[in-house]
């Protein structure tokens, strides 16, 4: 118990913080276009206030992984990335899931 109290006093408490980010698409394949039902997500974080400057949170992002997916419509989990370990934890991502439509790109397109 003494060690826990020492960490709490010396490392500071976790404070809530919300950031909003564009939802990225990870592992895209050439020849397909990806359309998201929503473009932005809000991330609720708990941050070790003493050790996490705002600049460190600028790298935090969210996205969906489409690896190996072909044409169709999917509901995918939105995941956080680039979180400083032990210093930042995710409480919630809104929306938790997003609809992604994958279509073949027109010839000469992306």
PDB file of N, CA and C in Angstrom:
ATOM      1  N   UNK A   1       0.824  -1.193   0.000  1.00  0.00           N
ATOM      2  CA  UNK A   1       0.000   0.000   0.000  1.00  0.00           C
ATOM      3  C   UNK A   1       0.870   1.260   0.000  1.00  0.00           C
ATOM      4  N   UNK A   2       1.967   1.212   0.728  1.00  0.00           N
ATOM      5  CA  UNK A   2       2.860   2.359   0.773  1.00  0.00           C
ATOM      6  C   UNK A   2       3.422   2.692  -0.597  1.00  0.00           C
ATOM      7  N   UNK A   3       3.753   1.653  -1.380  1.00  0.00           N
ATOM      8  CA  UNK A   3       4.283   1.867  -2.729  1.00  0.00           C
ATOM      9  C   UNK A   3       3.238   2.519  -3.616  1.00  0.00           C
ATOM     10  N   UNK A   4       1.997   2.062  -3.508  1.00  0.00           N
ATOM     11  CA  UNK A   4       0.909   2.634  -4.306  1.00  0.00           C
ATOM     12  C   UNK A   4       0.728   4.108  -3.978  1.00  0.00           C
ATOM     13  N   UNK A   5       0.745   4.436  -2.711  1.00  0.00           N
ATOM     14  CA  UNK A   5       0.607   5.828  -2.287  1.00  0.00           C
ATOM     15  C   UNK A   5       1.778   6.662  -2.805  1.00  0.00           C
ATOM     16  N   UNK A   6       2.994   6.114  -2.753  1.00  0.00           N
ATOM     17  CA  UNK A   6       4.166   6.826  -3.262  1.00  0.00           C
ATOM     18  C   UNK A   6       4.003   7.145  -4.746  1.00  0.00           C
ATOM     19  N   UNK A   7       3.582   6.138  -5.556  1.00  0.00           N
ATOM     20  CA  UNK A   7       3.377   6.368  -6.984  1.00  0.00           C
ATOM     21  C   UNK A   7       2.322   7.441  -7.219  1.00  0.00           C
ATOM     22  N   UNK A   8       1.229   7.378  -6.493  1.00  0.00           N
ATOM     23  CA  UNK A   8       0.145   8.342  -6.681  1.00  0.00           C
ATOM     24  C   UNK A   8       0.622   9.759  -6.379  1.00  0.00           C
ATOM     25  N   UNK A   9       1.328   9.938  -5.275  1.00  0.00           N
ATOM     26  CA  UNK A   9       1.789  11.262  -4.869  1.00  0.00           C
ATOM     27  C   UNK A   9       2.872  11.779  -5.813  1.00  0.00           C
ATOM     28  N   UNK A  10       3.808  10.931  -6.196  1.00  0.00           N
ATOM     29  CA  UNK A  10       4.948  11.376  -6.996  1.00  0.00           C
ATOM     30  C   UNK A  10       4.701  11.404  -8.496  1.00  0.00           C
ATOM     31  N   UNK A  11       3.831  10.566  -8.982  1.00  0.00           N
ATOM     32  CA  UNK A  11       3.600  10.521 -10.424  1.00  0.00           C
ATOM     33  C   UNK A  11       2.373  11.310 -10.847  1.00  0.00           C
ATOM     34  N   UNK A  12       1.589  11.742  -9.905  1.00  0.00           N
ATOM     35  CA  UNK A  12       0.408  12.525 -10.250  1.00  0.00           C
ATOM     36  C   UNK A  12      -0.792  11.642 -10.535  1.00  0.00           C
ATOM     37  N   UNK A  13      -1.919  12.262 -10.598  1.00  0.00           N
ATOM     38  CA  UNK A  13      -3.136  11.502 -10.852  1.00  0.00           C
ATOM     39  C   UNK A  13      -3.488  11.550 -12.329  1.00  0.00           C
ATOM     40  N   UNK A  14      -4.357  10.652 -12.722  1.00  0.00           N
ATOM     41  CA  UNK A  14      -4.836  10.628 -14.107  1.00  0.00           C
ATOM     42  C   UNK A  14      -6.022  11.584 -14.222  1.00  0.00           C
ATOM     43  N   UNK A  15      -5.953  12.444 -15.205  1.00  0.00           N
ATOM     44  CA  UNK A  15      -7.042  13.396 -15.423  1.00  0.00           C
ATOM     45  C   UNK A  15      -7.722  13.070 -16.750  1.00  0.00           C
ATOM     46  N   UNK A  16      -9.039  13.274 -16.818  1.00  0.00           N
ATOM     47  CA  UNK A  16      -9.750  12.991 -18.069  1.00  0.00           C
ATOM     48  C   UNK A  16      -9.485  14.076 -19.105  1.00  0.00           C
ATOM     49  N   UNK A  17      -9.462  13.659 -20.368  1.00  0.00           N
ATOM     50  CA  UNK A  17      -9.247  14.588 -21.469  1.00  0.00           C
ATOM     51  C   UNK A  17      -9.928  14.007 -22.704  1.00  0.00           C
ATOM     52  N   UNK A  18     -10.490  14.870 -23.532  1.00  0.00           N
ATOM     53  CA  UNK A  18     -11.102  14.421 -24.785  1.00  0.00           C
ATOM     54  C   UNK A  18     -10.403  15.088 -25.956  1.00  0.00           C
ATOM     55  N   UNK A  19     -10.163  14.302 -27.007  1.00  0.00           N
ATOM     56  CA  UNK A  19      -9.614  14.837 -28.246  1.00  0.00           C
ATOM     57  C   UNK A  19     -10.447  14.304 -29.398  1.00  0.00           C
ATOM     58  N   UNK A  20     -10.510  15.066 -30.465  1.00  0.00           N
ATOM     59  CA  UNK A  20     -11.257  14.647 -31.651  1.00  0.00           C
ATOM     60  C   UNK A  20     -10.273  14.496 -32.801  1.00  0.00           C
ATOM     61  N   UNK A  21     -10.407  13.394 -33.535  1.00  0.00           N
ATOM     62  CA  UNK A  21      -9.488  13.098 -34.629  1.00  0.00           C
ATOM     63  C   UNK A  21     -10.241  12.591 -35.852  1.00  0.00           C
ATOM     64  N   UNK A  22      -9.624  12.770 -37.036  1.00  0.00           N
ATOM     65  CA  UNK A  22     -10.146  12.152 -38.253  1.00  0.00           C
ATOM     66  C   UNK A  22      -9.906  10.650 -38.168  1.00  0.00           C
ATOM     67  N   UNK A  23     -10.865   9.870 -38.645  1.00  0.00           N
ATOM     68  CA  UNK A  23     -10.717   8.416 -38.666  1.00  0.00           C
ATOM     69  C   UNK A  23      -9.914   8.041 -39.912  1.00  0.00           C
ATOM     70  N   UNK A  24      -8.795   7.371 -39.707  1.00  0.00           N
ATOM     71  CA  UNK A  24      -7.938   6.942 -40.807  1.00  0.00           C
ATOM     72  C   UNK A  24      -8.295   5.515 -41.217  1.00  0.00           C
ATOM     73  N   UNK A  25      -7.894   5.157 -42.440  1.00  0.00           N
ATOM     74  CA  UNK A  25      -8.075   3.789 -42.924  1.00  0.00           C
ATOM     75  C   UNK A  25      -6.684   3.176 -43.037  1.00  0.00           C
ATOM     76  N   UNK A  26      -6.440   2.096 -42.274  1.00  0.00           N
ATOM     77  CA  UNK A  26      -5.140   1.433 -42.264  1.00  0.00           C
ATOM     78  C   UNK A  26      -5.136   0.247 -43.225  1.00  0.00           C
ATOM     79  N   UNK A  27      -3.991  -0.012 -43.824  1.00  0.00           N
ATOM     80  CA  UNK A  27      -3.766  -1.167 -44.706  1.00  0.00           C
ATOM     81  C   UNK A  27      -4.649  -1.154 -45.943  1.00  0.00           C
ATOM     82  N   UNK A  28      -4.743   0.005 -46.576  1.00  0.00           N
ATOM     83  CA  UNK A  28      -5.503   0.119 -47.828  1.00  0.00           C
ATOM     84  C   UNK A  28      -4.825  -0.703 -48.914  1.00  0.00           C
ATOM     85  N   UNK A  29      -5.639  -1.202 -49.845  1.00  0.00           N
ATOM     86  CA  UNK A  29      -5.104  -1.906 -51.007  1.00  0.00           C
ATOM     87  C   UNK A  29      -5.333  -1.052 -52.239  1.00  0.00           C
ATOM     88  N   UNK A  30      -4.357  -1.080 -53.149  1.00  0.00           N
ATOM     89  CA  UNK A  30      -4.512  -0.343 -54.401  1.00  0.00           C
ATOM     90  C   UNK A  30      -5.681  -0.925 -55.178  1.00  0.00           C
ATOM     91  N   UNK A  31      -6.372  -0.045 -55.901  1.00  0.00           N
ATOM     92  CA  UNK A  31      -7.490  -0.488 -56.720  1.00  0.00           C
ATOM     93  C   UNK A  31      -8.831  -0.423 -56.009  1.00  0.00           C
ATOM     94  N   UNK A  32      -8.835   0.048 -54.756  1.00  0.00           N
ATOM     95  CA  UNK A  32     -10.081   0.170 -54.000  1.00  0.00           C
ATOM     96  C   UNK A  32     -10.215   1.581 -53.433  1.00  0.00           C
ATOM     97  N   UNK A  33     -11.467   2.000 -53.261  1.00  0.00           N
ATOM     98  CA  UNK A  33     -11.777   3.251 -52.569  1.00  0.00           C
ATOM     99  C   UNK A  33     -12.502   2.893 -51.284  1.00  0.00           C
ATOM    100  N   UNK A  34     -12.283   3.694 -50.256  1.00  0.00           N
ATOM    101  CA  UNK A  34     -12.845   3.429 -48.940  1.00  0.00           C
ATOM    102  C   UNK A  34     -13.683   4.628 -48.514  1.00  0.00           C
ATOM    103  N   UNK A  35     -14.959   4.385 -48.249  1.00  0.00           N
ATOM    104  CA  UNK A  35     -15.861   5.458 -47.827  1.00  0.00           C
ATOM    105  C   UNK A  35     -16.338   5.160 -46.411  1.00  0.00           C
ATOM    106  N   UNK A  36     -16.113   6.125 -45.523  1.00  0.00           N
ATOM    107  CA  UNK A  36     -16.497   5.974 -44.122  1.00  0.00           C
ATOM    108  C   UNK A  36     -17.826   6.660 -43.863  1.00  0.00           C
ATOM    109  N   UNK A  37     -18.660   6.015 -43.059  1.00  0.00           N
ATOM    110  CA  UNK A  37     -19.942   6.602 -42.676  1.00  0.00           C
ATOM    111  C   UNK A  37     -19.717   7.889 -41.868  1.00  0.00           C
ATOM    112  N   UNK A  38     -18.705   7.878 -41.002  1.00  0.00           N
ATOM    113  CA  UNK A  38     -18.331   9.066 -40.226  1.00  0.00           C
ATOM    114  C   UNK A  38     -16.862   9.334 -40.427  1.00  0.00           C
ATOM    115  N   UNK A  39     -16.498  10.592 -40.440  1.00  0.00           N
ATOM    116  CA  UNK A  39     -15.110  10.956 -40.713  1.00  0.00           C
ATOM    117  C   UNK A  39     -14.305  11.268 -39.448  1.00  0.00           C
ATOM    118  N   UNK A  40     -15.003  11.573 -38.339  1.00  0.00           N
ATOM    119  CA  UNK A  40     -14.297  11.965 -37.116  1.00  0.00           C
ATOM    120  C   UNK A  40     -14.751  11.115 -35.940  1.00  0.00           C
ATOM    121  N   UNK A  41     -13.850  10.989 -34.960  1.00  0.00           N
ATOM    122  CA  UNK A  41     -14.157  10.265 -33.729  1.00  0.00           C
ATOM    123  C   UNK A  41     -13.632  11.066 -32.543  1.00  0.00           C
ATOM    124  N   UNK A  42     -14.302  10.908 -31.428  1.00  0.00           N
ATOM    125  CA  UNK A  42     -13.875  11.551 -30.179  1.00  0.00           C
ATOM    126  C   UNK A  42     -13.273  10.463 -29.284  1.00  0.00           C
ATOM    127  N   UNK A  43     -12.096  10.757 -28.740  1.00  0.00           N
ATOM    128  CA  UNK A  43     -11.413   9.815 -27.859  1.00  0.00           C
ATOM    129  C   UNK A  43     -11.407  10.406 -26.451  1.00  0.00           C
ATOM    130  N   UNK A  44     -11.925   9.647 -25.503  1.00  0.00           N
ATOM    131  CA  UNK A  44     -11.846  10.057 -24.097  1.00  0.00           C
ATOM    132  C   UNK A  44     -10.660   9.330 -23.480  1.00  0.00           C
ATOM    133  N   UNK A  45      -9.741  10.114 -22.946  1.00  0.00           N
ATOM    134  CA  UNK A  45      -8.493   9.581 -22.406  1.00  0.00           C
ATOM    135  C   UNK A  45      -8.375   9.872 -20.919  1.00  0.00           C
ATOM    136  N   UNK A  46      -7.562   9.063 -20.237  1.00  0.00           N
ATOM    137  CA  UNK A  46      -7.105   9.367 -18.882  1.00  0.00           C
ATOM    138  C   UNK A  46      -5.603   9.570 -19.018  1.00  0.00           C
ATOM    139  N   UNK A  47      -5.130  10.723 -18.603  1.00  0.00           N
ATOM    140  CA  UNK A  47      -3.753  11.137 -18.857  1.00  0.00           C
ATOM    141  C   UNK A  47      -3.026  11.391 -17.538  1.00  0.00           C
ATOM    142  N   UNK A  48      -1.776  10.881 -17.441  1.00  0.00           N
ATOM    143  CA  UNK A  48      -0.927  11.206 -16.289  1.00  0.00           C
ATOM    144  C   UNK A  48      -0.501  12.654 -16.470  1.00  0.00           C
ATOM    145  N   UNK A  49      -1.188  13.515 -15.797  1.00  0.00           N
ATOM    146  CA  UNK A  49      -1.075  14.955 -16.018  1.00  0.00           C
ATOM    147  C   UNK A  49       0.360  15.474 -15.909  1.00  0.00           C
ATOM    148  N   UNK A  50       1.123  14.948 -15.021  1.00  0.00           N
ATOM    149  CA  UNK A  50       2.465  15.464 -14.771  1.00  0.00           C
ATOM    150  C   UNK A  50       3.453  15.127 -15.898  1.00  0.00           C
ATOM    151  N   UNK A  51       3.196  14.027 -16.638  1.00  0.00           N
ATOM    152  CA  UNK A  51       4.184  13.542 -17.607  1.00  0.00           C
ATOM    153  C   UNK A  51       3.782  13.670 -19.065  1.00  0.00           C
ATOM    154  N   UNK A  52       2.581  14.116 -19.339  1.00  0.00           N
ATOM    155  CA  UNK A  52       2.116  14.122 -20.729  1.00  0.00           C
ATOM    156  C   UNK A  52       1.830  15.546 -21.193  1.00  0.00           C
ATOM    157  N   UNK A  53       2.779  16.143 -21.928  1.00  0.00           N
ATOM    158  CA  UNK A  53       2.511  17.470 -22.494  1.00  0.00           C
ATOM    159  C   UNK A  53       1.531  17.343 -23.658  1.00  0.00           C
ATOM    160  N   UNK A  54       0.855  18.419 -23.977  1.00  0.00           N
ATOM    161  CA  UNK A  54      -0.138  18.395 -25.057  1.00  0.00           C
ATOM    162  C   UNK A  54       0.467  17.960 -26.385  1.00  0.00           C
ATOM    163  N   UNK A  55       1.730  18.310 -26.627  1.00  0.00           N
ATOM    164  CA  UNK A  55       2.372  17.932 -27.887  1.00  0.00           C
ATOM    165  C   UNK A  55       2.409  16.417 -28.060  1.00  0.00           C
ATOM    166  N   UNK A  56       2.539  15.692 -26.950  1.00  0.00           N
ATOM    167  CA  UNK A  56       2.589  14.235 -27.012  1.00  0.00           C
ATOM    168  C   UNK A  56       1.249  13.666 -27.476  1.00  0.00           C
ATOM    169  N   UNK A  57       0.168  14.347 -27.156  1.00  0.00           N
ATOM    170  CA  UNK A  57      -1.162  13.866 -27.540  1.00  0.00           C
ATOM    171  C   UNK A  57      -1.493  14.167 -28.997  1.00  0.00           C
ATOM    172  N   UNK A  58      -0.736  15.059 -29.628  1.00  0.00           N
ATOM    173  CA  UNK A  58      -1.000  15.388 -31.031  1.00  0.00           C
ATOM    174  C   UNK A  58      -0.810  14.181 -31.940  1.00  0.00           C
ATOM    175  N   UNK A  59       0.054  13.243 -31.551  1.00  0.00           N
ATOM    176  CA  UNK A  59       0.300  12.056 -32.359  1.00  0.00           C
ATOM    177  C   UNK A  59      -0.738  10.961 -32.197  1.00  0.00           C
ATOM    178  N   UNK A  60      -1.615  11.095 -31.203  1.00  0.00           N
ATOM    179  CA  UNK A  60      -2.651  10.083 -30.978  1.00  0.00           C
ATOM    180  C   UNK A  60      -3.666  10.151 -32.113  1.00  0.00           C
ATOM    181  N   UNK A  61      -3.993   9.002 -32.671  1.00  0.00           N
ATOM    182  CA  UNK A  61      -4.954   8.960 -33.775  1.00  0.00           C
ATOM    183  C   UNK A  61      -5.918   7.803 -33.625  1.00  0.00           C
ATOM    184  N   UNK A  62      -6.875   7.735 -34.540  1.00  0.00           N
ATOM    185  CA  UNK A  62      -7.835   6.632 -34.567  1.00  0.00           C
ATOM    186  C   UNK A  62      -7.997   6.154 -35.998  1.00  0.00           C
ATOM    187  N   UNK A  63      -8.379   4.898 -36.134  1.00  0.00           N
ATOM    188  CA  UNK A  63      -8.579   4.376 -37.476  1.00  0.00           C
ATOM    189  C   UNK A  63      -9.220   3.006 -37.474  1.00  0.00           C
ATOM    190  N   UNK A  64      -9.490   2.521 -38.690  1.00  0.00           N
ATOM    191  CA  UNK A  64     -10.039   1.183 -38.888  1.00  0.00           C
ATOM    192  C   UNK A  64      -9.070   0.398 -39.765  1.00  0.00           C
ATOM    193  N   UNK A  65      -8.973  -0.898 -39.517  1.00  0.00           N
ATOM    194  CA  UNK A  65      -8.056  -1.759 -40.252  1.00  0.00           C
ATOM    195  C   UNK A  65      -8.833  -2.536 -41.311  1.00  0.00           C
ATOM    196  N   UNK A  66      -8.483  -2.340 -42.586  1.00  0.00           N
ATOM    197  CA  UNK A  66      -9.191  -3.005 -43.688  1.00  0.00           C
ATOM    198  C   UNK A  66      -8.325  -4.084 -44.346  1.00  0.00           C
ATOM    199  N   UNK A  67      -7.316  -4.540 -43.662  1.00  0.00           N
ATOM    200  CA  UNK A  67      -6.380  -5.518 -44.226  1.00  0.00           C
ATOM    201  C   UNK A  67      -7.118  -6.759 -44.732  1.00  0.00           C
ATOM    202  N   UNK A  68      -6.885  -7.082 -46.005  1.00  0.00           N
ATOM    203  CA  UNK A  68      -7.443  -8.287 -46.604  1.00  0.00           C
ATOM    204  C   UNK A  68      -8.907  -8.203 -46.994  1.00  0.00           C
ATOM    205  N   UNK A  69      -9.545  -7.069 -46.801  1.00  0.00           N
ATOM    206  CA  UNK A  69     -10.972  -6.940 -47.117  1.00  0.00           C
ATOM    207  C   UNK A  69     -11.162  -6.558 -48.574  1.00  0.00           C
ATOM    208  N   UNK A  70     -12.155  -7.148 -49.174  1.00  0.00           N
ATOM    209  CA  UNK A  70     -12.481  -6.880 -50.577  1.00  0.00           C
ATOM    210  C   UNK A  70     -13.742  -6.033 -50.644  1.00  0.00           C
ATOM    211  N   UNK A  71     -14.274  -5.875 -51.849  1.00  0.00           N
ATOM    212  CA  UNK A  71     -15.462  -5.059 -52.064  1.00  0.00           C
ATOM    213  C   UNK A  71     -16.597  -5.475 -51.130  1.00  0.00           C
ATOM    214  N   UNK A  72     -17.304  -4.481 -50.613  1.00  0.00           N
ATOM    215  CA  UNK A  72     -18.434  -4.766 -49.738  1.00  0.00           C
ATOM    216  C   UNK A  72     -18.596  -3.691 -48.687  1.00  0.00           C
ATOM    217  N   UNK A  73     -19.521  -3.940 -47.778  1.00  0.00           N
ATOM    218  CA  UNK A  73     -19.787  -3.008 -46.686  1.00  0.00           C
ATOM    219  C   UNK A  73     -19.505  -3.723 -45.378  1.00  0.00           C
ATOM    220  N   UNK A  74     -18.767  -3.063 -44.507  1.00  0.00           N
ATOM    221  CA  UNK A  74     -18.339  -3.671 -43.252  1.00  0.00           C
ATOM    222  C   UNK A  74     -18.605  -2.707 -42.100  1.00  0.00           C
ATOM    223  N   UNK A  75     -18.795  -3.268 -40.908  1.00  0.00           N
ATOM    224  CA  UNK A  75     -18.844  -2.463 -39.690  1.00  0.00           C
ATOM    225  C   UNK A  75     -17.590  -2.828 -38.910  1.00  0.00           C
ATOM    226  N   UNK A  76     -16.694  -1.850 -38.766  1.00  0.00           N
ATOM    227  CA  UNK A  76     -15.378  -2.108 -38.176  1.00  0.00           C
ATOM    228  C   UNK A  76     -15.174  -1.316 -36.891  1.00  0.00           C
ATOM    229  N   UNK A  77     -14.406  -1.902 -35.989  1.00  0.00           N
ATOM    230  CA  UNK A  77     -14.089  -1.261 -34.710  1.00  0.00           C
ATOM    231  C   UNK A  77     -13.073  -0.141 -34.937  1.00  0.00           C
ATOM    232  N   UNK A  78     -13.328   0.994 -34.344  1.00  0.00           N
ATOM    233  CA  UNK A  78     -12.407   2.131 -34.400  1.00  0.00           C
ATOM    234  C   UNK A  78     -11.376   1.931 -33.285  1.00  0.00           C
ATOM    235  N   UNK A  79     -10.091   1.980 -33.652  1.00  0.00           N
ATOM    236  CA  UNK A  79      -9.018   1.727 -32.696  1.00  0.00           C
ATOM    237  C   UNK A  79      -8.109   2.942 -32.561  1.00  0.00           C
ATOM    238  N   UNK A  80      -7.578   3.112 -31.358  1.00  0.00           N
ATOM    239  CA  UNK A  80      -6.635   4.207 -31.105  1.00  0.00           C
ATOM    240  C   UNK A  80      -5.221   3.743 -31.425  1.00  0.00           C
ATOM    241  N   UNK A  81      -4.369   4.688 -31.845  1.00  0.00           N
ATOM    242  CA  UNK A  81      -2.968   4.353 -32.129  1.00  0.00           C
ATOM    243  C   UNK A  81      -2.061   5.444 -31.568  1.00  0.00           C
ATOM    244  N   UNK A  82      -0.793   5.103 -31.434  1.00  0.00           N
ATOM    245  CA  UNK A  82       0.255   6.022 -30.964  1.00  0.00           C
ATOM    246  C   UNK A  82      -0.003   6.555 -29.557  1.00  0.00           C
ATOM    247  N   UNK A  83      -0.480   5.685 -28.669  1.00  0.00           N
ATOM    248  CA  UNK A  83      -0.689   6.101 -27.285  1.00  0.00           C
ATOM    249  C   UNK A  83       0.600   5.905 -26.495  1.00  0.00           C
ATOM    250  N   UNK A  84       1.041   6.914 -25.749  1.00  0.00           N
ATOM    251  CA  UNK A  84       2.214   6.729 -24.886  1.00  0.00           C
ATOM    252  C   UNK A  84       1.870   5.709 -23.792  1.00  0.00           C
ATOM    253  N   UNK A  85       2.537   4.564 -23.815  1.00  0.00           N
ATOM    254  CA  UNK A  85       2.221   3.489 -22.865  1.00  0.00           C
ATOM    255  C   UNK A  85       2.354   3.946 -21.421  1.00  0.00           C
ATOM    256  N   UNK A  86       1.462   3.445 -20.598  1.00  0.00           N
ATOM    257  CA  UNK A  86       1.424   3.685 -19.158  1.00  0.00           C
ATOM    258  C   UNK A  86       1.063   5.123 -18.788  1.00  0.00           C
ATOM    259  N   UNK A  87       1.197   6.048 -19.706  1.00  0.00           N
ATOM    260  CA  UNK A  87       0.915   7.444 -19.387  1.00  0.00           C
ATOM    261  C   UNK A  87      -0.481   7.859 -19.819  1.00  0.00           C
ATOM    262  N   UNK A  88      -1.011   7.176 -20.839  1.00  0.00           N
ATOM    263  CA  UNK A  88      -2.324   7.513 -21.382  1.00  0.00           C
ATOM    264  C   UNK A  88      -3.116   6.227 -21.562  1.00  0.00           C
ATOM    265  N   UNK A  89      -4.357   6.228 -21.094  1.00  0.00           N
ATOM    266  CA  UNK A  89      -5.247   5.089 -21.331  1.00  0.00           C
ATOM    267  C   UNK A  89      -6.525   5.593 -21.987  1.00  0.00           C
ATOM    268  N   UNK A  90      -7.106   4.735 -22.811  1.00  0.00           N
ATOM    269  CA  UNK A  90      -8.345   5.085 -23.504  1.00  0.00           C
ATOM    270  C   UNK A  90      -9.525   4.671 -22.636  1.00  0.00           C
ATOM    271  N   UNK A  91     -10.405   5.612 -22.349  1.00  0.00           N
ATOM    272  CA  UNK A  91     -11.644   5.301 -21.642  1.00  0.00           C
ATOM    273  C   UNK A  91     -12.734   4.901 -22.622  1.00  0.00           C
ATOM    274  N   UNK A  92     -12.786   5.641 -23.745  1.00  0.00           N
ATOM    275  CA  UNK A  92     -13.859   5.394 -24.704  1.00  0.00           C
ATOM    276  C   UNK A  92     -13.531   6.058 -26.037  1.00  0.00           C
ATOM    277  N   UNK A  93     -13.984   5.417 -27.117  1.00  0.00           N
ATOM    278  CA  UNK A  93     -13.897   6.009 -28.447  1.00  0.00           C
ATOM    279  C   UNK A  93     -15.319   6.081 -28.980  1.00  0.00           C
ATOM    280  N   UNK A  94     -15.709   7.249 -29.449  1.00  0.00           N
ATOM    281  CA  UNK A  94     -17.060   7.441 -29.995  1.00  0.00           C
ATOM    282  C   UNK A  94     -16.962   7.948 -31.419  1.00  0.00           C
ATOM    283  N   UNK A  95     -17.465   7.261 -32.413  1.00  0.00           N
ATOM    284  CA  UNK A  95     -18.204   6.008 -32.307  1.00  0.00           C
ATOM    285  C   UNK A  95     -17.236   4.843 -32.092  1.00  0.00           C
ATOM    286  N   UNK A  96     -17.734   3.795 -31.461  1.00  0.00           N
ATOM    287  CA  UNK A  96     -16.919   2.611 -31.212  1.00  0.00           C
ATOM    288  C   UNK A  96     -16.725   1.806 -32.503  1.00  0.00           C
ATOM    289  N   UNK A  97     -17.764   1.827 -33.354  1.00  0.00           N
ATOM    290  CA  UNK A  97     -17.726   1.141 -34.647  1.00  0.00           C
ATOM    291  C   UNK A  97     -18.153   2.110 -35.734  1.00  0.00           C
ATOM    292  N   UNK A  98     -17.665   1.885 -36.954  1.00  0.00           N
ATOM    293  CA  UNK A  98     -18.037   2.733 -38.074  1.00  0.00           C
ATOM    294  C   UNK A  98     -18.257   1.846 -39.302  1.00  0.00           C
ATOM    295  N   UNK A  99     -19.219   2.236 -40.128  1.00  0.00           N
ATOM    296  CA  UNK A  99     -19.511   1.505 -41.364  1.00  0.00           C
ATOM    297  C   UNK A  99     -18.536   1.965 -42.444  1.00  0.00           C
ATOM    298  N   UNK A 100     -17.910   0.987 -43.103  1.00  0.00           N
ATOM    299  CA  UNK A 100     -16.945   1.264 -44.165  1.00  0.00           C
ATOM    300  C   UNK A 100     -17.424   0.574 -45.431  1.00  0.00           C
ATOM    301  N   UNK A 101     -17.509   1.343 -46.513  1.00  0.00           N
ATOM    302  CA  UNK A 101     -17.898   0.787 -47.804  1.00  0.00           C
ATOM    303  C   UNK A 101     -16.648   0.734 -48.674  1.00  0.00           C
ATOM    304  N   UNK A 102     -16.355  -0.463 -49.180  1.00  0.00           N
ATOM    305  CA  UNK A 102     -15.182  -0.653 -50.035  1.00  0.00           C
ATOM    306  C   UNK A 102     -15.680  -0.932 -51.449  1.00  0.00           C
ATOM    307  N   UNK A 103     -15.211  -0.110 -52.389  1.00  0.00           N
ATOM    308  CA  UNK A 103     -15.605  -0.289 -53.790  1.00  0.00           C
ATOM    309  C   UNK A 103     -14.360  -0.288 -54.663  1.00  0.00           C
ATOM    310  N   UNK A 104     -14.486  -0.928 -55.817  1.00  0.00           N
ATOM    311  CA  UNK A 104     -13.367  -0.914 -56.768  1.00  0.00           C
ATOM    312  C   UNK A 104     -13.207   0.502 -57.298  1.00  0.00           C
ATOM    313  N   UNK A 105     -11.978   0.948 -57.358  1.00  0.00           N
ATOM    314  CA  UNK A 105     -11.691   2.284 -57.885  1.00  0.00           C
ATOM    315  C   UNK A 105     -11.868   2.257 -59.399  1.00  0.00           C
ATOM    316  N   UNK A 106     -12.352   3.358 -59.966  1.00  0.00           N
ATOM    317  CA  UNK A 106     -12.463   3.417 -61.424  1.00  0.00           C
ATOM    318  C   UNK A 106     -11.078   3.298 -62.064  1.00  0.00           C
ATOM    319  N   UNK A 107     -11.050   2.782 -63.275  1.00  0.00           N
ATOM    320  CA  UNK A 107      -9.774   2.651 -63.997  1.00  0.00           C
ATOM    321  C   UNK A 107      -9.065   3.998 -64.037  1.00  0.00           C
ATOM    322  N   UNK A 108      -7.787   3.985 -63.732  1.00  0.00           N
ATOM    323  CA  UNK A 108      -7.011   5.224 -63.724  1.00  0.00           C
ATOM    324  C   UNK A 108      -7.177   5.999 -62.435  1.00  0.00           C
ATOM    325  N   UNK A 109      -7.934   5.451 -61.443  1.00  0.00           N
ATOM    326  CA  UNK A 109      -8.161   6.126 -60.156  1.00  0.00           C
ATOM    327  C   UNK A 109      -7.111   5.711 -59.153  1.00  0.00           C
ATOM    328  N   UNK A 110      -7.454   5.879 -57.856  1.00  0.00           N
ATOM    329  CA  UNK A 110      -6.504   5.581 -56.784  1.00  0.00           C
ATOM    330  C   UNK A 110      -6.216   4.136 -56.662  1.00  0.00           C
TER     331      UNK A 110
END
